[in-house]
Amino acid sequence: MWIWLGLAALALIGELATGTFYLLLVALGLAAGGIAAWLLAGLQWQLVACGVVLLLGLLALRKTRVLKKREVNAASNADVNLDIGQTVNVEAWAENGTARVWYRGAHWQAELAAGQPAHGGEHIITELRGTRLVLTPKGGAAGAAR
């Protein structure tokens, strides 16, 4: 019984160090094995108790989507890409909705965000598509919301 509970305590310490839910499930399973040992169950039933609790916990976490990986769109997330939200000056737009702008000491290709009017002046970087900046007019609908 003490071996099970000792291993459960080590798994809990590991859980606190890493912050994953998996080691918490392992700790609960090991504790269930320890309880089965305390009830004088045989080794095979201790292992079954450990496995069942661990699997039920895993199923519960998957059902509640706690373990679901959260995807981040780096192209338009200011927390990932520091260029988002910066201001550039556009002198004129080409017919196809592109322009060349001076940003961070170099010329960049820029395109107008969908549904935005094409006029010169200050624009805000709202997204990066490869090496192309996607711009929204400063003071426009999207710029005012920032």
N, C-alpha and C. Protein backbone atom coordinates (compact mmCIF):
# COMPACT_ATOMS: atom_id res chain seq x y z
N MET A 1 0.82 -1.18 0.00
CA MET A 1 0.00 0.00 0.00
C MET A 1 0.87 1.25 0.00
N TRP A 2 1.94 1.25 0.80
CA TRP A 2 2.77 2.44 0.91
C TRP A 2 3.55 2.71 -0.37
N ILE A 3 3.86 1.66 -1.10
CA ILE A 3 4.56 1.86 -2.37
C ILE A 3 3.64 2.59 -3.35
N TRP A 4 2.38 2.16 -3.41
CA TRP A 4 1.41 2.82 -4.29
C TRP A 4 1.26 4.30 -3.93
N LEU A 5 1.08 4.56 -2.64
CA LEU A 5 0.85 5.95 -2.21
C LEU A 5 2.12 6.79 -2.35
N GLY A 6 3.28 6.18 -2.15
CA GLY A 6 4.54 6.90 -2.36
C GLY A 6 4.72 7.28 -3.82
N LEU A 7 4.41 6.34 -4.72
CA LEU A 7 4.49 6.65 -6.15
C LEU A 7 3.46 7.71 -6.55
N ALA A 8 2.28 7.66 -5.92
CA ALA A 8 1.26 8.69 -6.19
C ALA A 8 1.76 10.06 -5.75
N ALA A 9 2.42 10.13 -4.61
CA ALA A 9 2.96 11.40 -4.12
C ALA A 9 4.04 11.91 -5.08
N LEU A 10 4.89 11.03 -5.58
CA LEU A 10 5.91 11.44 -6.55
C LEU A 10 5.28 11.96 -7.84
N ALA A 11 4.21 11.31 -8.27
CA ALA A 11 3.51 11.76 -9.47
C ALA A 11 2.88 13.14 -9.23
N LEU A 12 2.35 13.38 -8.04
CA LEU A 12 1.79 14.70 -7.73
C LEU A 12 2.87 15.77 -7.71
N ILE A 13 4.03 15.45 -7.18
CA ILE A 13 5.14 16.40 -7.20
C ILE A 13 5.54 16.70 -8.64
N GLY A 14 5.60 15.66 -9.46
CA GLY A 14 5.90 15.87 -10.86
C GLY A 14 4.84 16.71 -11.56
N GLU A 15 3.58 16.51 -11.18
CA GLU A 15 2.48 17.31 -11.74
C GLU A 15 2.65 18.78 -11.39
N LEU A 16 3.00 19.07 -10.17
CA LEU A 16 3.21 20.46 -9.75
C LEU A 16 4.38 21.08 -10.48
N ALA A 17 5.40 20.28 -10.80
CA ALA A 17 6.57 20.80 -11.49
C ALA A 17 6.31 21.05 -12.97
N THR A 18 5.46 20.23 -13.60
CA THR A 18 5.26 20.35 -15.04
C THR A 18 3.97 21.02 -15.44
N GLY A 19 2.92 20.89 -14.66
CA GLY A 19 1.65 21.53 -14.98
C GLY A 19 0.82 20.79 -16.01
N THR A 20 1.05 19.51 -16.19
CA THR A 20 0.22 18.73 -17.12
C THR A 20 -0.84 18.00 -16.33
N PHE A 21 -1.92 17.62 -16.99
CA PHE A 21 -2.96 16.85 -16.33
C PHE A 21 -2.66 15.36 -16.33
N TYR A 22 -1.73 14.94 -17.17
CA TYR A 22 -1.45 13.51 -17.29
C TYR A 22 -0.88 12.93 -15.99
N LEU A 23 0.04 13.63 -15.37
CA LEU A 23 0.62 13.10 -14.13
C LEU A 23 -0.40 13.12 -12.99
N LEU A 24 -1.36 14.02 -13.06
CA LEU A 24 -2.43 14.01 -12.07
C LEU A 24 -3.25 12.73 -12.21
N LEU A 25 -3.52 12.35 -13.45
CA LEU A 25 -4.25 11.10 -13.69
C LEU A 25 -3.46 9.90 -13.21
N VAL A 26 -2.16 9.91 -13.45
CA VAL A 26 -1.30 8.82 -12.98
C VAL A 26 -1.34 8.76 -11.46
N ALA A 27 -1.27 9.92 -10.81
CA ALA A 27 -1.32 9.96 -9.35
C ALA A 27 -2.64 9.40 -8.83
N LEU A 28 -3.75 9.75 -9.47
CA LEU A 28 -5.05 9.23 -9.04
C LEU A 28 -5.13 7.72 -9.24
N GLY A 29 -4.59 7.25 -10.35
CA GLY A 29 -4.57 5.81 -10.59
C GLY A 29 -3.73 5.08 -9.56
N LEU A 30 -2.56 5.62 -9.25
CA LEU A 30 -1.71 5.00 -8.24
C LEU A 30 -2.37 5.03 -6.87
N ALA A 31 -3.07 6.11 -6.56
CA ALA A 31 -3.78 6.17 -5.28
C ALA A 31 -4.89 5.12 -5.24
N ALA A 32 -5.57 4.90 -6.38
CA ALA A 32 -6.59 3.85 -6.43
C ALA A 32 -5.97 2.48 -6.22
N GLY A 33 -4.79 2.26 -6.76
CA GLY A 33 -4.07 1.01 -6.49
C GLY A 33 -3.72 0.87 -5.02
N GLY A 34 -3.35 1.99 -4.39
CA GLY A 34 -3.06 1.96 -2.96
C GLY A 34 -4.29 1.66 -2.13
N ILE A 35 -5.42 2.20 -2.51
CA ILE A 35 -6.67 1.90 -1.80
C ILE A 35 -7.04 0.44 -1.96
N ALA A 36 -6.84 -0.09 -3.17
CA ALA A 36 -7.12 -1.52 -3.39
C ALA A 36 -6.19 -2.38 -2.54
N ALA A 37 -4.94 -1.97 -2.38
CA ALA A 37 -4.01 -2.71 -1.53
C ALA A 37 -4.44 -2.61 -0.07
N TRP A 38 -4.94 -1.45 0.35
CA TRP A 38 -5.40 -1.28 1.72
C TRP A 38 -6.61 -2.17 2.00
N LEU A 39 -7.44 -2.42 0.95
CA LEU A 39 -8.58 -3.31 1.09
C LEU A 39 -8.19 -4.78 0.95
N LEU A 40 -6.89 -5.05 0.91
CA LEU A 40 -6.31 -6.40 0.83
C LEU A 40 -6.65 -7.12 -0.48
N ALA A 41 -6.80 -6.37 -1.56
CA ALA A 41 -7.03 -6.98 -2.87
C ALA A 41 -5.70 -7.53 -3.38
N GLY A 42 -5.78 -8.49 -4.26
CA GLY A 42 -4.58 -9.06 -4.85
C GLY A 42 -3.90 -8.06 -5.78
N LEU A 43 -2.67 -8.37 -6.16
CA LEU A 43 -1.89 -7.47 -7.00
C LEU A 43 -2.61 -7.20 -8.34
N GLN A 44 -3.22 -8.25 -8.91
CA GLN A 44 -3.90 -8.04 -10.19
C GLN A 44 -5.06 -7.05 -10.04
N TRP A 45 -5.79 -7.08 -8.94
CA TRP A 45 -6.89 -6.13 -8.73
C TRP A 45 -6.38 -4.73 -8.42
N GLN A 46 -5.22 -4.66 -7.78
CA GLN A 46 -4.60 -3.35 -7.56
C GLN A 46 -4.24 -2.71 -8.90
N LEU A 47 -3.67 -3.51 -9.79
CA LEU A 47 -3.31 -3.00 -11.11
C LEU A 47 -4.56 -2.62 -11.92
N VAL A 48 -5.61 -3.43 -11.80
CA VAL A 48 -6.86 -3.12 -12.50
C VAL A 48 -7.45 -1.81 -11.97
N ALA A 49 -7.45 -1.61 -10.67
CA ALA A 49 -7.98 -0.38 -10.08
C ALA A 49 -7.18 0.83 -10.57
N CYS A 50 -5.86 0.68 -10.59
CA CYS A 50 -5.00 1.75 -11.07
C CYS A 50 -5.32 2.08 -12.53
N GLY A 51 -5.40 1.08 -13.37
CA GLY A 51 -5.66 1.29 -14.79
C GLY A 51 -7.03 1.85 -15.08
N VAL A 52 -8.05 1.34 -14.38
CA VAL A 52 -9.42 1.81 -14.62
C VAL A 52 -9.56 3.27 -14.24
N VAL A 53 -9.04 3.67 -13.09
CA VAL A 53 -9.14 5.07 -12.67
C VAL A 53 -8.38 5.97 -13.62
N LEU A 54 -7.21 5.54 -14.05
CA LEU A 54 -6.42 6.32 -14.98
C LEU A 54 -7.15 6.49 -16.31
N LEU A 55 -7.72 5.42 -16.85
CA LEU A 55 -8.43 5.51 -18.12
C LEU A 55 -9.72 6.33 -18.01
N LEU A 56 -10.44 6.16 -16.90
CA LEU A 56 -11.65 6.97 -16.71
C LEU A 56 -11.33 8.45 -16.61
N GLY A 57 -10.24 8.77 -15.94
CA GLY A 57 -9.81 10.17 -15.87
C GLY A 57 -9.41 10.72 -17.22
N LEU A 58 -8.72 9.91 -18.01
CA LEU A 58 -8.33 10.34 -19.35
C LEU A 58 -9.56 10.57 -20.22
N LEU A 59 -10.51 9.67 -20.15
CA LEU A 59 -11.74 9.84 -20.92
C LEU A 59 -12.50 11.09 -20.48
N ALA A 60 -12.53 11.35 -19.18
CA ALA A 60 -13.22 12.55 -18.68
C ALA A 60 -12.53 13.82 -19.18
N LEU A 61 -11.21 13.84 -19.18
CA LEU A 61 -10.50 15.02 -19.67
C LEU A 61 -10.70 15.21 -21.17
N ARG A 62 -10.73 14.12 -21.92
CA ARG A 62 -10.97 14.24 -23.36
C ARG A 62 -12.40 14.69 -23.64
N LYS A 63 -13.33 14.21 -22.86
CA LYS A 63 -14.74 14.57 -23.05
C LYS A 63 -14.95 16.06 -22.77
N THR A 64 -14.28 16.60 -21.77
CA THR A 64 -14.41 18.02 -21.43
C THR A 64 -13.49 18.90 -22.26
N ARG A 65 -12.70 18.31 -23.14
CA ARG A 65 -11.78 19.01 -24.04
C ARG A 65 -10.71 19.80 -23.31
N VAL A 66 -10.34 19.38 -22.11
CA VAL A 66 -9.28 20.04 -21.37
C VAL A 66 -7.94 19.81 -22.07
N LEU A 67 -7.78 18.65 -22.67
CA LEU A 67 -6.51 18.31 -23.30
C LEU A 67 -6.43 18.77 -24.75
N LYS A 68 -7.43 19.48 -25.25
CA LYS A 68 -7.43 19.91 -26.65
C LYS A 68 -6.37 20.98 -26.86
N LYS A 69 -5.58 20.80 -27.88
CA LYS A 69 -4.55 21.77 -28.21
C LYS A 69 -5.19 23.01 -28.80
N ARG A 70 -4.81 24.16 -28.28
CA ARG A 70 -5.36 25.41 -28.79
C ARG A 70 -4.41 25.99 -29.83
N GLU A 71 -4.92 26.11 -31.05
CA GLU A 71 -4.11 26.61 -32.15
C GLU A 71 -4.14 28.14 -32.14
N VAL A 72 -3.00 28.74 -32.45
CA VAL A 72 -2.88 30.18 -32.51
C VAL A 72 -2.52 30.56 -33.94
N ASN A 73 -3.29 31.49 -34.52
CA ASN A 73 -2.98 31.99 -35.85
C ASN A 73 -1.91 33.05 -35.72
N ALA A 74 -0.66 32.69 -35.98
CA ALA A 74 0.46 33.60 -35.79
C ALA A 74 0.43 34.76 -36.78
N ALA A 75 -0.24 34.60 -37.91
CA ALA A 75 -0.25 35.65 -38.93
C ALA A 75 -0.97 36.91 -38.47
N SER A 76 -1.95 36.78 -37.58
CA SER A 76 -2.71 37.95 -37.16
C SER A 76 -2.78 38.10 -35.64
N ASN A 77 -1.88 37.44 -34.90
CA ASN A 77 -1.90 37.52 -33.45
C ASN A 77 -0.74 38.40 -32.98
N ALA A 78 -1.07 39.52 -32.34
CA ALA A 78 -0.05 40.45 -31.87
C ALA A 78 0.82 39.86 -30.76
N ASP A 79 0.33 38.84 -30.06
CA ASP A 79 1.15 38.21 -29.02
C ASP A 79 2.25 37.36 -29.63
N VAL A 80 2.05 36.89 -30.85
CA VAL A 80 3.04 36.05 -31.52
C VAL A 80 3.92 36.88 -32.45
N ASN A 81 3.32 37.81 -33.16
CA ASN A 81 4.03 38.61 -34.15
C ASN A 81 3.99 40.07 -33.74
N LEU A 82 5.13 40.64 -33.41
CA LEU A 82 5.19 42.00 -32.89
C LEU A 82 4.92 43.07 -33.94
N ASP A 83 4.89 42.70 -35.23
CA ASP A 83 4.59 43.67 -36.28
C ASP A 83 3.11 44.03 -36.32
N ILE A 84 2.24 43.15 -35.82
CA ILE A 84 0.81 43.43 -35.83
C ILE A 84 0.53 44.65 -34.96
N GLY A 85 -0.21 45.61 -35.54
CA GLY A 85 -0.55 46.83 -34.81
C GLY A 85 0.39 47.99 -35.08
N GLN A 86 1.50 47.74 -35.78
CA GLN A 86 2.43 48.82 -36.10
C GLN A 86 1.87 49.66 -37.25
N THR A 87 2.34 50.90 -37.34
CA THR A 87 1.84 51.83 -38.34
C THR A 87 2.85 52.01 -39.46
N VAL A 88 2.35 52.03 -40.71
CA VAL A 88 3.19 52.32 -41.88
C VAL A 88 2.48 53.38 -42.71
N ASN A 89 3.24 54.05 -43.57
CA ASN A 89 2.68 55.09 -44.44
C ASN A 89 2.65 54.57 -45.87
N VAL A 90 1.48 54.62 -46.50
CA VAL A 90 1.30 54.20 -47.89
C VAL A 90 1.13 55.45 -48.73
N GLU A 91 2.01 55.60 -49.75
CA GLU A 91 1.89 56.77 -50.63
C GLU A 91 0.76 56.59 -51.63
N ALA A 92 0.72 55.41 -52.28
CA ALA A 92 -0.34 55.15 -53.26
C ALA A 92 -0.50 53.64 -53.42
N TRP A 93 -1.72 53.24 -53.78
CA TRP A 93 -2.02 51.83 -54.02
C TRP A 93 -2.00 51.56 -55.51
N ALA A 94 -1.53 50.38 -55.89
CA ALA A 94 -1.58 49.95 -57.28
C ALA A 94 -2.99 49.48 -57.61
N GLU A 95 -3.26 49.24 -58.89
CA GLU A 95 -4.59 48.80 -59.34
C GLU A 95 -5.00 47.48 -58.70
N ASN A 96 -4.03 46.60 -58.45
CA ASN A 96 -4.35 45.28 -57.91
C ASN A 96 -4.43 45.26 -56.38
N GLY A 97 -4.40 46.42 -55.74
CA GLY A 97 -4.54 46.50 -54.29
C GLY A 97 -3.28 46.22 -53.51
N THR A 98 -2.12 46.40 -54.17
CA THR A 98 -0.84 46.22 -53.50
C THR A 98 -0.08 47.54 -53.48
N ALA A 99 0.92 47.61 -52.62
CA ALA A 99 1.77 48.80 -52.52
C ALA A 99 3.13 48.38 -51.98
N ARG A 100 4.12 49.28 -52.16
CA ARG A 100 5.42 49.07 -51.53
C ARG A 100 5.52 50.11 -50.42
N VAL A 101 5.85 49.63 -49.21
CA VAL A 101 5.95 50.53 -48.06
C VAL A 101 7.32 50.39 -47.42
N TRP A 102 7.73 51.46 -46.76
CA TRP A 102 9.00 51.47 -46.03
C TRP A 102 8.70 51.10 -44.57
N TYR A 103 9.27 49.99 -44.12
CA TYR A 103 9.00 49.53 -42.76
C TYR A 103 10.24 48.83 -42.22
N ARG A 104 10.65 49.17 -41.04
CA ARG A 104 11.83 48.60 -40.38
C ARG A 104 13.08 48.66 -41.25
N GLY A 105 13.27 49.77 -41.94
CA GLY A 105 14.49 49.98 -42.70
C GLY A 105 14.55 49.26 -44.03
N ALA A 106 13.41 48.79 -44.55
CA ALA A 106 13.40 48.09 -45.84
C ALA A 106 12.05 48.30 -46.52
N HIS A 107 12.04 48.07 -47.83
CA HIS A 107 10.78 48.12 -48.58
C HIS A 107 10.07 46.78 -48.44
N TRP A 108 8.78 46.83 -48.17
CA TRP A 108 7.95 45.63 -48.01
C TRP A 108 6.81 45.68 -49.01
N GLN A 109 6.38 44.52 -49.47
CA GLN A 109 5.16 44.42 -50.26
C GLN A 109 3.99 44.47 -49.29
N ALA A 110 2.97 45.21 -49.63
CA ALA A 110 1.80 45.31 -48.77
C ALA A 110 0.55 45.12 -49.61
N GLU A 111 -0.49 44.63 -48.98
CA GLU A 111 -1.78 44.51 -49.65
C GLU A 111 -2.85 45.05 -48.72
N LEU A 112 -3.92 45.50 -49.32
CA LEU A 112 -5.02 46.07 -48.57
C LEU A 112 -5.91 44.96 -48.02
N ALA A 113 -6.32 45.10 -46.78
CA ALA A 113 -7.22 44.11 -46.18
C ALA A 113 -8.55 44.13 -46.93
N ALA A 114 -9.21 43.00 -46.95
CA ALA A 114 -10.48 42.86 -47.69
C ALA A 114 -11.51 43.85 -47.18
N GLY A 115 -12.18 44.50 -48.12
CA GLY A 115 -13.27 45.41 -47.76
C GLY A 115 -12.84 46.79 -47.31
N GLN A 116 -11.57 47.11 -47.43
CA GLN A 116 -11.07 48.42 -46.98
C GLN A 116 -10.88 49.34 -48.19
N PRO A 117 -11.09 50.64 -48.01
CA PRO A 117 -10.91 51.59 -49.12
C PRO A 117 -9.42 51.81 -49.40
N ALA A 118 -9.09 51.94 -50.67
CA ALA A 118 -7.69 52.13 -51.08
C ALA A 118 -7.39 53.61 -51.19
N HIS A 119 -6.76 54.15 -50.18
CA HIS A 119 -6.30 55.54 -50.22
C HIS A 119 -4.99 55.63 -49.47
N GLY A 120 -4.19 56.62 -49.81
CA GLY A 120 -2.88 56.78 -49.19
C GLY A 120 -3.01 57.26 -47.75
N GLY A 121 -1.89 57.24 -47.06
CA GLY A 121 -1.86 57.71 -45.69
C GLY A 121 -1.39 56.62 -44.73
N GLU A 122 -1.66 56.84 -43.46
CA GLU A 122 -1.21 55.89 -42.44
C GLU A 122 -2.12 54.67 -42.41
N HIS A 123 -1.49 53.51 -42.31
CA HIS A 123 -2.20 52.25 -42.23
C HIS A 123 -1.64 51.43 -41.07
N ILE A 124 -2.44 50.51 -40.58
CA ILE A 124 -2.04 49.63 -39.48
C ILE A 124 -1.84 48.22 -40.03
N ILE A 125 -0.76 47.58 -39.63
CA ILE A 125 -0.51 46.20 -40.03
C ILE A 125 -1.45 45.30 -39.23
N THR A 126 -2.31 44.56 -39.93
CA THR A 126 -3.26 43.69 -39.25
C THR A 126 -2.92 42.21 -39.40
N GLU A 127 -2.06 41.90 -40.36
CA GLU A 127 -1.71 40.49 -40.61
C GLU A 127 -0.45 40.42 -41.44
N LEU A 128 0.27 39.31 -41.34
CA LEU A 128 1.40 39.03 -42.22
C LEU A 128 1.10 37.75 -42.98
N ARG A 129 1.21 37.81 -44.29
CA ARG A 129 1.05 36.62 -45.14
C ARG A 129 2.39 36.39 -45.82
N GLY A 130 3.17 35.51 -45.24
CA GLY A 130 4.53 35.31 -45.74
C GLY A 130 5.34 36.54 -45.44
N THR A 131 5.84 37.20 -46.52
CA THR A 131 6.59 38.45 -46.33
C THR A 131 5.77 39.66 -46.75
N ARG A 132 4.48 39.48 -46.93
CA ARG A 132 3.60 40.56 -47.35
C ARG A 132 2.79 41.06 -46.16
N LEU A 133 2.77 42.38 -46.00
CA LEU A 133 1.99 43.01 -44.93
C LEU A 133 0.56 43.22 -45.39
N VAL A 134 -0.40 42.90 -44.54
CA VAL A 134 -1.81 43.19 -44.83
C VAL A 134 -2.18 44.41 -44.00
N LEU A 135 -2.68 45.46 -44.68
CA LEU A 135 -2.88 46.75 -44.04
C LEU A 135 -4.35 47.15 -44.00
N THR A 136 -4.69 47.88 -42.94
CA THR A 136 -6.01 48.48 -42.77
C THR A 136 -5.80 49.97 -42.54
N PRO A 137 -6.58 50.83 -43.18
CA PRO A 137 -6.39 52.27 -42.97
C PRO A 137 -6.53 52.66 -41.50
N LYS A 138 -5.63 53.53 -41.06
CA LYS A 138 -5.70 53.98 -39.67
C LYS A 138 -6.91 54.91 -39.54
N GLY A 139 -7.72 54.64 -38.52
CA GLY A 139 -8.94 55.40 -38.33
C GLY A 139 -10.12 54.81 -39.06
N GLY A 140 -9.88 53.68 -39.81
CA GLY A 140 -10.97 52.98 -40.49
C GLY A 140 -11.76 52.15 -39.50
N ALA A 141 -12.65 51.34 -39.97
CA ALA A 141 -13.50 50.52 -39.10
C ALA A 141 -12.68 49.59 -38.23
N ALA A 142 -11.70 48.89 -38.83
CA ALA A 142 -10.88 47.97 -38.05
C ALA A 142 -9.87 48.72 -37.21
N GLY A 143 -9.37 49.88 -37.73
CA GLY A 143 -8.39 50.63 -36.98
C GLY A 143 -8.99 51.30 -35.76
N ALA A 144 -10.26 51.71 -35.84
CA ALA A 144 -10.89 52.38 -34.71
C ALA A 144 -11.19 51.40 -33.58
N ALA A 145 -11.34 50.12 -33.90
CA ALA A 145 -11.65 49.13 -32.88
C ALA A 145 -10.43 48.79 -32.04
N ARG A 146 -9.26 49.16 -32.47
CA ARG A 146 -8.04 48.82 -31.75
C ARG A 146 -7.77 49.78 -30.64
